[in-house]
Amino acid sequence: MRRLVSLIVVALTAAGLASIQTVSLSAAEPDPSGSATVVALITRNTDKLPKQDAILVDVLLGEGYDVVLVDDDDTDDSTVFDSATIGVISSSVIPVKIASWLATSDLPMLNFEGLVSDDLGLATRSCEQPIDGDADSRTDRNSILMYEPNAGHPLTAGLTGYQDVDKAPQGDHNFGEPCGDAVVIATTTRRPAQAVYYAYEAGSELANGDTAPARRVAYYSSSRGHETLSPAGKQLIVAAVEWLASEPAALAYADDI
């Protein structure tokens, strides 16, 4: 018997009240424990879901997670996240619409939008930029390089070496030069100091010097978002959500590159 999970769309009415619509979708078998992890996905448009976010929702539902869609216009209202156990910021969002209170929220978060990372304390603005057309600085488009010193980290999904995370060439790709206690998982293929996938453990020092209130993951997307997601790219996203949903571990990993 396949489990029915809920895709819940949260939007604010003109009166400022939350309007919730629930749609039942078929997904994979549930965890035997019966405890559901609810992922709040912040997107540019809940009425007309961007293709990249529809693909991400499909991945999450396929793994047995419940998904709550939150419009980026509504992030100022913290109550729309009441049912969530994990927050995910899509690369489709308009960065200036993401509420500042999320930086200090104890909700574990996965961020796909590079231009939000400075607001969350994951990187300083000077550390993040799209990879340009210079042959010496751009990535190999759809490839990333797993960071060998942290090969045993759960966020790697067991992947090593070069990985094609997209099926098609990317127009650009954000990266960060993380500070504080960032644990680097993958970098660009041309410059090892440019991290495309990294995390902060709860209680560790963020790039802005603050203490991480909960686990944080930054995984930068291309301009295509997840429209051309490869099997390896899917594995890394699932690993990120699983890590955010689990209890912090006492294991130490390299925090510099």
C-alpha atoms as a PDB file:
ATOM      1  CA  MET A   1       0.000   0.000   0.000  1.00  0.00           C
ATOM      2  CA  ARG A   2       1.400   3.356  -1.045  1.00  0.00           C
ATOM      3  CA  ARG A   3       1.257   6.248   1.357  1.00  0.00           C
ATOM      4  CA  LEU A   4      -0.752   9.382   0.601  1.00  0.00           C
ATOM      5  CA  VAL A   5       1.150  12.487   1.638  1.00  0.00           C
ATOM      6  CA  SER A   6      -0.084  16.046   1.766  1.00  0.00           C
ATOM      7  CA  LEU A   7       1.105  18.872  -0.429  1.00  0.00           C
ATOM      8  CA  ILE A   8      -0.099  21.940   1.438  1.00  0.00           C
ATOM      9  CA  VAL A   9      -0.146  25.367  -0.200  1.00  0.00           C
ATOM     10  CA  VAL A  10      -0.010  28.241   2.285  1.00  0.00           C
ATOM     11  CA  ALA A  11      -0.892  31.746   1.145  1.00  0.00           C
ATOM     12  CA  LEU A  12      -2.122  34.883   2.862  1.00  0.00           C
ATOM     13  CA  THR A  13      -5.536  36.292   2.059  1.00  0.00           C
ATOM     14  CA  ALA A  14      -6.189  39.997   1.617  1.00  0.00           C
ATOM     15  CA  ALA A  15      -7.305  40.074   5.248  1.00  0.00           C
ATOM     16  CA  GLY A  16      -3.934  38.739   6.351  1.00  0.00           C
ATOM     17  CA  LEU A  17      -5.252  35.318   7.300  1.00  0.00           C
ATOM     18  CA  ALA A  18      -3.565  32.120   6.208  1.00  0.00           C
ATOM     19  CA  SER A  19      -5.416  30.196   3.513  1.00  0.00           C
ATOM     20  CA  ILE A  20      -4.442  26.524   3.327  1.00  0.00           C
ATOM     21  CA  GLN A  21      -5.227  24.098   0.528  1.00  0.00           C
ATOM     22  CA  THR A  22      -4.372  20.417   0.830  1.00  0.00           C
ATOM     23  CA  VAL A  23      -3.953  18.043  -2.097  1.00  0.00           C
ATOM     24  CA  SER A  24      -3.357  14.307  -1.661  1.00  0.00           C
ATOM     25  CA  LEU A  25      -0.592  12.812  -3.771  1.00  0.00           C
ATOM     26  CA  SER A  26       0.741   9.284  -3.999  1.00  0.00           C
ATOM     27  CA  ALA A  27       4.289   8.804  -2.749  1.00  0.00           C
ATOM     28  CA  ALA A  28       6.687   6.184  -1.469  1.00  0.00           C
ATOM     29  CA  GLU A  29       6.098   3.936   1.512  1.00  0.00           C
ATOM     30  CA  PRO A  30       6.352   5.808   4.844  1.00  0.00           C
ATOM     31  CA  ASP A  31       8.989   5.412   7.488  1.00  0.00           C
ATOM     32  CA  PRO A  32       7.933   2.508   9.766  1.00  0.00           C
ATOM     33  CA  SER A  33       8.206   4.858  12.742  1.00  0.00           C
ATOM     34  CA  GLY A  34       5.239   6.799  11.393  1.00  0.00           C
ATOM     35  CA  SER A  35       6.858  10.172  12.147  1.00  0.00           C
ATOM     36  CA  ALA A  36       6.513  12.590   9.231  1.00  0.00           C
ATOM     37  CA  THR A  37       9.103  15.203   8.353  1.00  0.00           C
ATOM     38  CA  VAL A  38       7.386  18.296   6.984  1.00  0.00           C
ATOM     39  CA  VAL A  39       9.416  20.378   4.537  1.00  0.00           C
ATOM     40  CA  ALA A  40       8.387  24.016   4.063  1.00  0.00           C
ATOM     41  CA  LEU A  41       9.486  24.959   0.531  1.00  0.00           C
ATOM     42  CA  ILE A  42       9.691  28.703  -0.069  1.00  0.00           C
ATOM     43  CA  THR A  43       9.005  29.389  -3.740  1.00  0.00           C
ATOM     44  CA  ARG A  44       8.463  32.370  -6.018  1.00  0.00           C
ATOM     45  CA  ASN A  45       4.873  31.449  -6.855  1.00  0.00           C
ATOM     46  CA  THR A  46       2.605  28.934  -5.147  1.00  0.00           C
ATOM     47  CA  ASP A  47      -0.223  29.530  -7.655  1.00  0.00           C
ATOM     48  CA  LYS A  48       1.954  28.627 -10.623  1.00  0.00           C
ATOM     49  CA  LEU A  49       4.817  26.548  -9.261  1.00  0.00           C
ATOM     50  CA  PRO A  50       8.079  27.071 -11.181  1.00  0.00           C
ATOM     51  CA  LYS A  51       9.222  23.952 -13.027  1.00  0.00           C
ATOM     52  CA  GLN A  52      12.362  23.643 -10.919  1.00  0.00           C
ATOM     53  CA  ASP A  53      10.280  23.639  -7.736  1.00  0.00           C
ATOM     54  CA  ALA A  54       7.782  21.139  -9.115  1.00  0.00           C
ATOM     55  CA  ILE A  55      10.704  18.779  -9.705  1.00  0.00           C
ATOM     56  CA  LEU A  56      11.997  19.389  -6.170  1.00  0.00           C
ATOM     57  CA  VAL A  57       8.547  18.692  -4.716  1.00  0.00           C
ATOM     58  CA  ASP A  58       8.401  15.447  -6.687  1.00  0.00           C
ATOM     59  CA  VAL A  59      11.769  14.411  -5.223  1.00  0.00           C
ATOM     60  CA  LEU A  60      10.667  15.195  -1.674  1.00  0.00           C
ATOM     61  CA  LEU A  61       7.302  13.459  -1.984  1.00  0.00           C
ATOM     62  CA  GLY A  62       9.012  10.463  -3.536  1.00  0.00           C
ATOM     63  CA  GLU A  63      11.159  10.177  -0.424  1.00  0.00           C
ATOM     64  CA  GLY A  64       8.075  10.173   1.805  1.00  0.00           C
ATOM     65  CA  TYR A  65       8.269  13.757   3.085  1.00  0.00           C
ATOM     66  CA  ASP A  66       5.276  16.030   3.495  1.00  0.00           C
ATOM     67  CA  VAL A  67       5.657  19.368   1.704  1.00  0.00           C
ATOM     68  CA  VAL A  68       4.262  22.781   2.588  1.00  0.00           C
ATOM     69  CA  LEU A  69       4.552  25.410  -0.146  1.00  0.00           C
ATOM     70  CA  VAL A  70       5.148  28.961   1.084  1.00  0.00           C
ATOM     71  CA  ASP A  71       5.107  31.951  -1.254  1.00  0.00           C
ATOM     72  CA  ASP A  72       8.147  34.211  -0.859  1.00  0.00           C
ATOM     73  CA  ASP A  73       5.709  37.110  -0.356  1.00  0.00           C
ATOM     74  CA  ASP A  74       4.482  35.464   2.859  1.00  0.00           C
ATOM     75  CA  THR A  75       7.708  34.697   4.746  1.00  0.00           C
ATOM     76  CA  ASP A  76       7.223  37.632   7.134  1.00  0.00           C
ATOM     77  CA  ASP A  77       4.434  35.636   8.779  1.00  0.00           C
ATOM     78  CA  SER A  78       6.193  33.036  10.938  1.00  0.00           C
ATOM     79  CA  THR A  79       2.925  31.144  11.536  1.00  0.00           C
ATOM     80  CA  VAL A  80       2.996  29.697   7.996  1.00  0.00           C
ATOM     81  CA  PHE A  81       5.974  27.618   9.157  1.00  0.00           C
ATOM     82  CA  ASP A  82       4.266  26.245  12.275  1.00  0.00           C
ATOM     83  CA  SER A  83       3.839  22.743  10.859  1.00  0.00           C
ATOM     84  CA  ALA A  84       7.332  22.574   9.333  1.00  0.00           C
ATOM     85  CA  THR A  85      10.327  20.654  10.657  1.00  0.00           C
ATOM     86  CA  ILE A  86      12.680  21.799   7.858  1.00  0.00           C
ATOM     87  CA  GLY A  87      12.777  24.966   5.755  1.00  0.00           C
ATOM     88  CA  VAL A  88      13.972  24.998   2.141  1.00  0.00           C
ATOM     89  CA  ILE A  89      14.627  28.215   0.205  1.00  0.00           C
ATOM     90  CA  SER A  90      14.329  27.637  -3.536  1.00  0.00           C
ATOM     91  CA  SER A  91      16.576  29.330  -6.092  1.00  0.00           C
ATOM     92  CA  SER A  92      13.349  30.597  -7.686  1.00  0.00           C
ATOM     93  CA  VAL A  93      12.677  33.113  -4.892  1.00  0.00           C
ATOM     94  CA  ILE A  94      13.190  36.859  -5.131  1.00  0.00           C
ATOM     95  CA  PRO A  95      15.983  37.273  -2.530  1.00  0.00           C
ATOM     96  CA  VAL A  96      14.802  40.592  -1.054  1.00  0.00           C
ATOM     97  CA  LYS A  97      11.451  39.005  -0.165  1.00  0.00           C
ATOM     98  CA  ILE A  98      12.968  36.462   2.246  1.00  0.00           C
ATOM     99  CA  ALA A  99      12.212  37.587   5.810  1.00  0.00           C
ATOM    100  CA  SER A 100      15.205  38.457   7.992  1.00  0.00           C
ATOM    101  CA  TRP A 101      13.859  36.533  11.009  1.00  0.00           C
ATOM    102  CA  LEU A 102      14.677  33.250   9.262  1.00  0.00           C
ATOM    103  CA  ALA A 103      18.379  33.894   9.955  1.00  0.00           C
ATOM    104  CA  THR A 104      17.800  33.361  13.670  1.00  0.00           C
ATOM    105  CA  SER A 105      15.094  30.711  13.382  1.00  0.00           C
ATOM    106  CA  ASP A 106      15.674  27.344  15.069  1.00  0.00           C
ATOM    107  CA  LEU A 107      14.204  25.684  11.978  1.00  0.00           C
ATOM    108  CA  PRO A 108      16.907  23.646  10.185  1.00  0.00           C
ATOM    109  CA  MET A 109      17.291  25.150   6.725  1.00  0.00           C
ATOM    110  CA  LEU A 110      18.499  24.252   3.227  1.00  0.00           C
ATOM    111  CA  ASN A 111      19.244  27.243   1.005  1.00  0.00           C
ATOM    112  CA  PHE A 112      19.515  26.990  -2.789  1.00  0.00           C
ATOM    113  CA  GLU A 113      19.630  30.743  -3.477  1.00  0.00           C
ATOM    114  CA  GLY A 114      23.151  32.197  -3.335  1.00  0.00           C
ATOM    115  CA  LEU A 115      21.965  35.796  -2.899  1.00  0.00           C
ATOM    116  CA  VAL A 116      20.183  34.874   0.342  1.00  0.00           C
ATOM    117  CA  SER A 117      23.262  33.326   1.940  1.00  0.00           C
ATOM    118  CA  ASP A 118      24.655  36.590   3.292  1.00  0.00           C
ATOM    119  CA  ASP A 119      21.316  37.358   4.987  1.00  0.00           C
ATOM    120  CA  LEU A 120      21.363  33.921   6.633  1.00  0.00           C
ATOM    121  CA  GLY A 121      24.970  34.343   7.763  1.00  0.00           C
ATOM    122  CA  LEU A 122      26.174  31.480   5.566  1.00  0.00           C
ATOM    123  CA  ALA A 123      28.559  33.649   3.548  1.00  0.00           C
ATOM    124  CA  THR A 124      29.425  37.317   3.188  1.00  0.00           C
ATOM    125  CA  ARG A 125      28.209  39.058   0.060  1.00  0.00           C
ATOM    126  CA  SER A 126      31.792  39.388  -1.211  1.00  0.00           C
ATOM    127  CA  CYS A 127      32.149  35.607  -1.116  1.00  0.00           C
ATOM    128  CA  GLU A 128      29.260  34.790  -3.413  1.00  0.00           C
ATOM    129  CA  GLN A 129      28.887  35.579  -7.096  1.00  0.00           C
ATOM    130  CA  PRO A 130      27.892  33.815 -10.295  1.00  0.00           C
ATOM    131  CA  ILE A 131      30.735  32.066 -12.049  1.00  0.00           C
ATOM    132  CA  ASP A 132      31.564  34.146 -15.098  1.00  0.00           C
ATOM    133  CA  GLY A 133      32.613  33.215 -18.605  1.00  0.00           C
ATOM    134  CA  ASP A 134      36.346  33.314 -17.898  1.00  0.00           C
ATOM    135  CA  ALA A 135      37.796  29.900 -18.706  1.00  0.00           C
ATOM    136  CA  ASP A 136      39.971  29.987 -15.595  1.00  0.00           C
ATOM    137  CA  SER A 137      37.152  30.679 -13.162  1.00  0.00           C
ATOM    138  CA  ARG A 138      34.019  28.969 -14.375  1.00  0.00           C
ATOM    139  CA  THR A 139      33.018  25.509 -13.282  1.00  0.00           C
ATOM    140  CA  ASP A 140      32.724  22.582 -15.688  1.00  0.00           C
ATOM    141  CA  ARG A 141      29.103  23.649 -16.007  1.00  0.00           C
ATOM    142  CA  ASN A 142      27.253  20.580 -14.759  1.00  0.00           C
ATOM    143  CA  SER A 143      30.043  19.124 -12.596  1.00  0.00           C
ATOM    144  CA  ILE A 144      31.149  19.650  -9.029  1.00  0.00           C
ATOM    145  CA  LEU A 145      34.048  18.150  -7.081  1.00  0.00           C
ATOM    146  CA  MET A 146      33.328  16.403  -3.781  1.00  0.00           C
ATOM    147  CA  TYR A 147      35.656  17.699  -1.050  1.00  0.00           C
ATOM    148  CA  GLU A 148      37.879  14.744  -0.147  1.00  0.00           C
ATOM    149  CA  PRO A 149      38.684  15.655   3.517  1.00  0.00           C
ATOM    150  CA  ASN A 150      34.970  15.366   4.345  1.00  0.00           C
ATOM    151  CA  ALA A 151      34.288  12.257   2.266  1.00  0.00           C
ATOM    152  CA  GLY A 152      32.672  10.463   5.208  1.00  0.00           C
ATOM    153  CA  HIS A 153      30.102  13.169   5.929  1.00  0.00           C
ATOM    154  CA  PRO A 154      26.433  12.132   5.543  1.00  0.00           C
ATOM    155  CA  LEU A 155      25.843  15.092   3.210  1.00  0.00           C
ATOM    156  CA  THR A 156      28.027  13.487   0.536  1.00  0.00           C
ATOM    157  CA  ALA A 157      25.538  10.624   0.036  1.00  0.00           C
ATOM    158  CA  GLY A 158      28.610   8.437  -0.392  1.00  0.00           C
ATOM    159  CA  LEU A 159      29.646  10.246  -3.584  1.00  0.00           C
ATOM    160  CA  THR A 160      33.299  11.053  -4.281  1.00  0.00           C
ATOM    161  CA  GLY A 161      35.345  12.750  -6.973  1.00  0.00           C
ATOM    162  CA  TYR A 162      33.734  14.614  -9.864  1.00  0.00           C
ATOM    163  CA  GLN A 163      29.946  14.483 -10.033  1.00  0.00           C
ATOM    164  CA  ASP A 164      27.573  15.673 -12.743  1.00  0.00           C
ATOM    165  CA  VAL A 165      24.701  17.158 -10.766  1.00  0.00           C
ATOM    166  CA  ASP A 166      22.819  18.387 -13.840  1.00  0.00           C
ATOM    167  CA  LYS A 167      21.954  16.611 -17.072  1.00  0.00           C
ATOM    168  CA  ALA A 168      22.421  19.749 -19.174  1.00  0.00           C
ATOM    169  CA  PRO A 169      25.067  22.522 -19.220  1.00  0.00           C
ATOM    170  CA  GLN A 170      24.408  25.358 -16.795  1.00  0.00           C
ATOM    171  CA  GLY A 171      24.302  29.030 -17.701  1.00  0.00           C
ATOM    172  CA  ASP A 172      25.994  30.013 -14.457  1.00  0.00           C
ATOM    173  CA  HIS A 173      26.607  28.616 -10.992  1.00  0.00           C
ATOM    174  CA  ASN A 174      26.922  30.402  -7.659  1.00  0.00           C
ATOM    175  CA  PHE A 175      29.626  29.567  -5.174  1.00  0.00           C
ATOM    176  CA  GLY A 176      30.721  30.706  -1.737  1.00  0.00           C
ATOM    177  CA  GLU A 177      34.015  31.052   0.073  1.00  0.00           C
ATOM    178  CA  PRO A 178      32.564  30.059   3.446  1.00  0.00           C
ATOM    179  CA  CYS A 179      33.870  31.382   6.738  1.00  0.00           C
ATOM    180  CA  GLY A 180      33.479  30.381  10.382  1.00  0.00           C
ATOM    181  CA  ASP A 181      32.940  26.670  11.028  1.00  0.00           C
ATOM    182  CA  ALA A 182      31.522  25.781   7.610  1.00  0.00           C
ATOM    183  CA  VAL A 183      31.894  22.118   6.648  1.00  0.00           C
ATOM    184  CA  VAL A 184      32.616  21.992   2.914  1.00  0.00           C
ATOM    185  CA  ILE A 185      31.030  19.123   0.970  1.00  0.00           C
ATOM    186  CA  ALA A 186      31.718  20.072  -2.659  1.00  0.00           C
ATOM    187  CA  THR A 187      33.506  22.771  -4.652  1.00  0.00           C
ATOM    188  CA  THR A 188      33.736  23.988  -8.223  1.00  0.00           C
ATOM    189  CA  THR A 189      35.945  21.885 -10.458  1.00  0.00           C
ATOM    190  CA  ARG A 190      38.315  24.721 -11.357  1.00  0.00           C
ATOM    191  CA  ARG A 191      38.960  26.431  -8.024  1.00  0.00           C
ATOM    192  CA  PRO A 192      38.906  24.302  -4.856  1.00  0.00           C
ATOM    193  CA  ALA A 193      38.394  27.386  -2.659  1.00  0.00           C
ATOM    194  CA  GLN A 194      34.967  27.977  -4.207  1.00  0.00           C
ATOM    195  CA  ALA A 195      32.365  25.925  -2.335  1.00  0.00           C
ATOM    196  CA  VAL A 196      29.061  25.072  -4.001  1.00  0.00           C
ATOM    197  CA  TYR A 197      27.760  22.831  -1.197  1.00  0.00           C
ATOM    198  CA  TYR A 198      28.549  23.335   2.487  1.00  0.00           C
ATOM    199  CA  ALA A 199      26.952  23.259   5.908  1.00  0.00           C
ATOM    200  CA  TYR A 200      27.037  24.524   9.467  1.00  0.00           C
ATOM    201  CA  GLU A 201      26.318  22.345  12.473  1.00  0.00           C
ATOM    202  CA  ALA A 202      23.932  23.688  15.107  1.00  0.00           C
ATOM    203  CA  GLY A 203      25.896  25.742  17.639  1.00  0.00           C
ATOM    204  CA  SER A 204      28.841  26.330  15.290  1.00  0.00           C
ATOM    205  CA  GLU A 205      30.113  29.715  14.150  1.00  0.00           C
ATOM    206  CA  LEU A 206      28.495  31.126  11.018  1.00  0.00           C
ATOM    207  CA  ALA A 207      30.267  33.248   8.417  1.00  0.00           C
ATOM    208  CA  ASN A 208      29.013  36.443  10.068  1.00  0.00           C
ATOM    209  CA  GLY A 209      30.298  35.402  13.498  1.00  0.00           C
ATOM    210  CA  ASP A 210      26.875  34.473  14.891  1.00  0.00           C
ATOM    211  CA  THR A 211      26.067  31.051  16.302  1.00  0.00           C
ATOM    212  CA  ALA A 212      24.014  28.757  14.100  1.00  0.00           C
ATOM    213  CA  PRO A 213      20.614  28.345  15.843  1.00  0.00           C
ATOM    214  CA  ALA A 214      20.075  25.053  13.975  1.00  0.00           C
ATOM    215  CA  ARG A 215      21.674  23.106  11.171  1.00  0.00           C
ATOM    216  CA  ARG A 216      22.161  25.038   7.947  1.00  0.00           C
ATOM    217  CA  VAL A 217      23.012  23.809   4.434  1.00  0.00           C
ATOM    218  CA  ALA A 218      23.909  25.905   1.394  1.00  0.00           C
ATOM    219  CA  TYR A 219      23.695  24.128  -1.959  1.00  0.00           C
ATOM    220  CA  TYR A 220      23.918  26.588  -4.815  1.00  0.00           C
ATOM    221  CA  SER A 221      21.852  25.999  -7.915  1.00  0.00           C
ATOM    222  CA  SER A 222      22.439  27.017 -11.488  1.00  0.00           C
ATOM    223  CA  SER A 223      20.179  29.440 -13.333  1.00  0.00           C
ATOM    224  CA  ARG A 224      18.129  26.375 -14.330  1.00  0.00           C
ATOM    225  CA  GLY A 225      17.504  25.439 -10.711  1.00  0.00           C
ATOM    226  CA  HIS A 226      16.524  21.764 -10.589  1.00  0.00           C
ATOM    227  CA  GLU A 227      15.037  21.590 -14.083  1.00  0.00           C
ATOM    228  CA  THR A 228      17.831  19.288 -15.281  1.00  0.00           C
ATOM    229  CA  LEU A 229      18.560  17.450 -12.044  1.00  0.00           C
ATOM    230  CA  SER A 230      20.716  14.324 -12.450  1.00  0.00           C
ATOM    231  CA  PRO A 231      20.569  11.205 -10.232  1.00  0.00           C
ATOM    232  CA  ALA A 232      23.660  12.450  -8.362  1.00  0.00           C
ATOM    233  CA  GLY A 233      22.074  15.862  -7.870  1.00  0.00           C
ATOM    234  CA  LYS A 234      18.973  14.196  -6.468  1.00  0.00           C
ATOM    235  CA  GLN A 235      21.093  12.093  -4.083  1.00  0.00           C
ATOM    236  CA  LEU A 236      22.750  15.196  -2.662  1.00  0.00           C
ATOM    237  CA  ILE A 237      19.437  16.973  -2.117  1.00  0.00           C
ATOM    238  CA  VAL A 238      17.945  13.954  -0.356  1.00  0.00           C
ATOM    239  CA  ALA A 239      21.096  13.655   1.782  1.00  0.00           C
ATOM    240  CA  ALA A 240      20.774  17.318   2.786  1.00  0.00           C
ATOM    241  CA  VAL A 241      17.148  16.928   3.869  1.00  0.00           C
ATOM    242  CA  GLU A 242      17.937  13.714   5.765  1.00  0.00           C
ATOM    243  CA  TRP A 243      20.841  15.404   7.559  1.00  0.00           C
ATOM    244  CA  LEU A 244      18.721  18.409   8.508  1.00  0.00           C
ATOM    245  CA  ALA A 245      16.037  16.087   9.873  1.00  0.00           C
ATOM    246  CA  SER A 246      18.475  14.105  12.030  1.00  0.00           C
ATOM    247  CA  GLU A 247      19.995  14.857  15.407  1.00  0.00           C
ATOM    248  CA  PRO A 248      23.365  16.676  15.520  1.00  0.00           C
ATOM    249  CA  ALA A 249      26.357  14.358  15.811  1.00  0.00           C
ATOM    250  CA  ALA A 250      29.565  14.815  17.764  1.00  0.00           C
ATOM    251  CA  LEU A 251      31.798  13.855  14.817  1.00  0.00           C
ATOM    252  CA  ALA A 252      34.292  16.470  13.636  1.00  0.00           C
ATOM    253  CA  TYR A 253      34.818  17.374   9.992  1.00  0.00           C
ATOM    254  CA  ALA A 254      37.193  19.763   8.244  1.00  0.00           C
ATOM    255  CA  ASP A 255      35.936  23.340   8.455  1.00  0.00           C
ATOM    256  CA  ASP A 256      38.280  24.990   5.982  1.00  0.00           C
ATOM    257  CA  ILE A 257      39.414  24.618   2.374  1.00  0.00           C
END
